[in-house]
């Protein structure tokens, strides 16, 4: 009976220690999976940041080109406006010194 009891205790302790090891192994495997997930997330984040930076460069370049073209168009329109203003100002001036127009009294 003593031997049976000792065998039972030894077998129980052995199974308890193997169960604890398997729990530790499970936790370790779970931790490794989580770390792999973190590494994959970091890699995908780096790729996304790189693509975003490239897209940002494209957008900024396009905006700069648009601004430059609009600026030159504004300058061109201003010069055209000044020319038209000059023509209108010269057309509105009445030459009072010429003898073409003589005002005569009404009778």
C-alpha atoms as a PDB file:
ATOM      1  CA  UNK A   1       0.000   0.000   0.000  1.00  0.00           C
ATOM      2  CA  UNK A   2       2.874   2.299   0.820  1.00  0.00           C
ATOM      3  CA  UNK A   3       4.403   1.610  -2.563  1.00  0.00           C
ATOM      4  CA  UNK A   4       1.141   2.274  -4.293  1.00  0.00           C
ATOM      5  CA  UNK A   5       0.775   5.555  -2.430  1.00  0.00           C
ATOM      6  CA  UNK A   6       4.342   6.577  -3.290  1.00  0.00           C
ATOM      7  CA  UNK A   7       3.794   5.711  -6.950  1.00  0.00           C
ATOM      8  CA  UNK A   8       0.589   7.701  -6.982  1.00  0.00           C
ATOM      9  CA  UNK A   9       2.320  10.737  -5.423  1.00  0.00           C
ATOM     10  CA  UNK A  10       5.276  10.502  -7.794  1.00  0.00           C
ATOM     11  CA  UNK A  11       2.977  10.080 -10.808  1.00  0.00           C
ATOM     12  CA  UNK A  12       0.782  12.987  -9.655  1.00  0.00           C
ATOM     13  CA  UNK A  13       3.763  15.256  -9.133  1.00  0.00           C
ATOM     14  CA  UNK A  14       5.144  14.295 -12.485  1.00  0.00           C
ATOM     15  CA  UNK A  15       1.880  15.040 -14.275  1.00  0.00           C
ATOM     16  CA  UNK A  16       1.547  18.350 -12.422  1.00  0.00           C
ATOM     17  CA  UNK A  17       5.037  19.398 -13.457  1.00  0.00           C
ATOM     18  CA  UNK A  18       4.440  18.407 -17.084  1.00  0.00           C
ATOM     19  CA  UNK A  19       1.190  20.338 -17.091  1.00  0.00           C
ATOM     20  CA  UNK A  20       2.957  23.417 -15.762  1.00  0.00           C
ATOM     21  CA  UNK A  21       5.583  23.101 -18.462  1.00  0.00           C
ATOM     22  CA  UNK A  22       2.952  22.751 -21.148  1.00  0.00           C
ATOM     23  CA  UNK A  23       1.192  25.864 -19.798  1.00  0.00           C
ATOM     24  CA  UNK A  24       4.485  27.715 -19.951  1.00  0.00           C
ATOM     25  CA  UNK A  25       5.064  26.406 -23.463  1.00  0.00           C
ATOM     26  CA  UNK A  26       1.577  27.507 -24.490  1.00  0.00           C
ATOM     27  CA  UNK A  27       2.199  30.957 -23.085  1.00  0.00           C
ATOM     28  CA  UNK A  28       5.583  31.105 -24.817  1.00  0.00           C
ATOM     29  CA  UNK A  29       4.058  30.066 -28.153  1.00  0.00           C
ATOM     30  CA  UNK A  30       1.285  32.608 -27.730  1.00  0.00           C
ATOM     31  CA  UNK A  31       3.850  35.289 -26.942  1.00  0.00           C
ATOM     32  CA  UNK A  32       5.899  34.365 -30.017  1.00  0.00           C
ATOM     33  CA  UNK A  33       2.790  34.562 -32.194  1.00  0.00           C
ATOM     34  CA  UNK A  34       2.000  37.976 -30.772  1.00  0.00           C
ATOM     35  CA  UNK A  35       5.551  39.157 -31.439  1.00  0.00           C
ATOM     36  CA  UNK A  36       5.341  37.904 -35.031  1.00  0.00           C
ATOM     37  CA  UNK A  37       2.077  39.797 -35.405  1.00  0.00           C
ATOM     38  CA  UNK A  38       3.742  42.940 -34.082  1.00  0.00           C
ATOM     39  CA  UNK A  39       6.631  42.528 -36.519  1.00  0.00           C
ATOM     40  CA  UNK A  40       4.238  42.073 -39.441  1.00  0.00           C
ATOM     41  CA  UNK A  41       2.280  45.134 -38.346  1.00  0.00           C
ATOM     42  CA  UNK A  42       5.496  47.171 -38.143  1.00  0.00           C
ATOM     43  CA  UNK A  43       6.511  46.072 -41.638  1.00  0.00           C
ATOM     44  CA  UNK A  44       3.098  46.939 -43.076  1.00  0.00           C
ATOM     45  CA  UNK A  45       3.195  50.284 -41.276  1.00  0.00           C
ATOM     46  CA  UNK A  46       6.604  51.063 -42.761  1.00  0.00           C
ATOM     47  CA  UNK A  47       5.314  50.212 -46.249  1.00  0.00           C
ATOM     48  CA  UNK A  48       2.243  52.372 -45.743  1.00  0.00           C
ATOM     49  CA  UNK A  49       4.380  55.290 -44.555  1.00  0.00           C
ATOM     50  CA  UNK A  50       6.671  54.935 -47.567  1.00  0.00           C
ATOM     51  CA  UNK A  51       3.727  54.932 -49.983  1.00  0.00           C
ATOM     52  CA  UNK A  52       2.210  57.916 -48.203  1.00  0.00           C
ATOM     53  CA  UNK A  53       5.483  59.830 -48.494  1.00  0.00           C
ATOM     54  CA  UNK A  54       5.667  59.092 -52.231  1.00  0.00           C
ATOM     55  CA  UNK A  55       2.071  60.207 -52.719  1.00  0.00           C
ATOM     56  CA  UNK A  56       2.764  63.356 -50.706  1.00  0.00           C
ATOM     57  CA  UNK A  57       5.687  64.212 -52.991  1.00  0.00           C
ATOM     58  CA  UNK A  58       3.451  63.766 -56.034  1.00  0.00           C
ATOM     59  CA  UNK A  59       0.684  65.935 -54.599  1.00  0.00           C
ATOM     60  CA  UNK A  60       3.072  68.685 -53.539  1.00  0.00           C
ATOM     61  CA  UNK A  61       4.759  68.676 -56.952  1.00  0.00           C
ATOM     62  CA  UNK A  62       1.409  68.933 -58.702  1.00  0.00           C
ATOM     63  CA  UNK A  63       0.320  71.773 -56.394  1.00  0.00           C
ATOM     64  CA  UNK A  64       3.549  73.690 -57.044  1.00  0.00           C
ATOM     65  CA  UNK A  65       3.126  73.360 -60.817  1.00  0.00           C
ATOM     66  CA  UNK A  66      -0.475  74.551 -60.557  1.00  0.00           C
ATOM     67  CA  UNK A  67       0.514  77.543 -58.427  1.00  0.00           C
ATOM     68  CA  UNK A  68       3.273  78.542 -60.843  1.00  0.00           C
ATOM     69  CA  UNK A  69       0.980  78.292 -63.867  1.00  0.00           C
ATOM     70  CA  UNK A  70      -1.756  80.279 -62.110  1.00  0.00           C
ATOM     71  CA  UNK A  71       0.754  82.940 -61.115  1.00  0.00           C
ATOM     72  CA  UNK A  72       1.930  83.380 -64.706  1.00  0.00           C
ATOM     73  CA  UNK A  73      -1.675  83.469 -65.915  1.00  0.00           C
ATOM     74  CA  UNK A  74      -2.496  86.169 -63.348  1.00  0.00           C
ATOM     75  CA  UNK A  75       0.457  88.266 -64.520  1.00  0.00           C
ATOM     76  CA  UNK A  76      -0.641  87.884 -68.134  1.00  0.00           C
ATOM     77  CA  UNK A  77      -4.227  88.880 -67.275  1.00  0.00           C
ATOM     78  CA  UNK A  78      -2.984  91.904 -65.320  1.00  0.00           C
ATOM     79  CA  UNK A  79      -0.941  93.122 -68.282  1.00  0.00           C
ATOM     80  CA  UNK A  80      -3.944  92.659 -70.599  1.00  0.00           C
ATOM     81  CA  UNK A  81      -6.130  94.564 -68.149  1.00  0.00           C
ATOM     82  CA  UNK A  82      -3.630  97.437 -68.006  1.00  0.00           C
ATOM     83  CA  UNK A  83      -3.559  97.617 -71.800  1.00  0.00           C
ATOM     84  CA  UNK A  84      -7.356  97.741 -71.970  1.00  0.00           C
ATOM     85  CA  UNK A  85      -7.492 100.374 -69.219  1.00  0.00           C
ATOM     86  CA  UNK A  86      -4.980 102.455 -71.181  1.00  0.00           C
ATOM     87  CA  UNK A  87      -7.091 102.201 -74.332  1.00  0.00           C
ATOM     88  CA  UNK A  88     -10.256 103.145 -72.441  1.00  0.00           C
ATOM     89  CA  UNK A  89      -8.574 106.093 -70.763  1.00  0.00           C
ATOM     90  CA  UNK A  90      -7.317 107.381 -74.094  1.00  0.00           C
ATOM     91  CA  UNK A  91     -10.781 106.977 -75.672  1.00  0.00           C
ATOM     92  CA  UNK A  92     -12.482 108.905 -72.871  1.00  0.00           C
ATOM     93  CA  UNK A  93     -10.317 111.960 -73.180  1.00  0.00           C
ATOM     94  CA  UNK A  94     -11.982 114.690 -75.242  1.00  0.00           C
ATOM     95  CA  UNK A  95      -9.790 116.949 -77.234  1.00  0.00           C
ATOM     96  CA  UNK A  96     -11.210 120.392 -76.500  1.00  0.00           C
ATOM     97  CA  UNK A  97      -8.498 122.275 -78.346  1.00  0.00           C
ATOM     98  CA  UNK A  98      -9.394 121.015 -81.768  1.00  0.00           C
ATOM     99  CA  UNK A  99     -11.599 123.038 -84.042  1.00  0.00           C
ATOM    100  CA  UNK A 100     -13.662 120.105 -85.236  1.00  0.00           C
ATOM    101  CA  UNK A 101     -16.278 120.679 -82.614  1.00  0.00           C
ATOM    102  CA  UNK A 102     -17.528 124.175 -82.288  1.00  0.00           C
ATOM    103  CA  UNK A 103     -20.288 125.002 -79.935  1.00  0.00           C
ATOM    104  CA  UNK A 104     -22.696 127.575 -81.282  1.00  0.00           C
ATOM    105  CA  UNK A 105     -25.468 129.227 -79.422  1.00  0.00           C
ATOM    106  CA  UNK A 106     -29.035 128.152 -79.983  1.00  0.00           C
ATOM    107  CA  UNK A 107     -31.205 130.755 -81.718  1.00  0.00           C
END
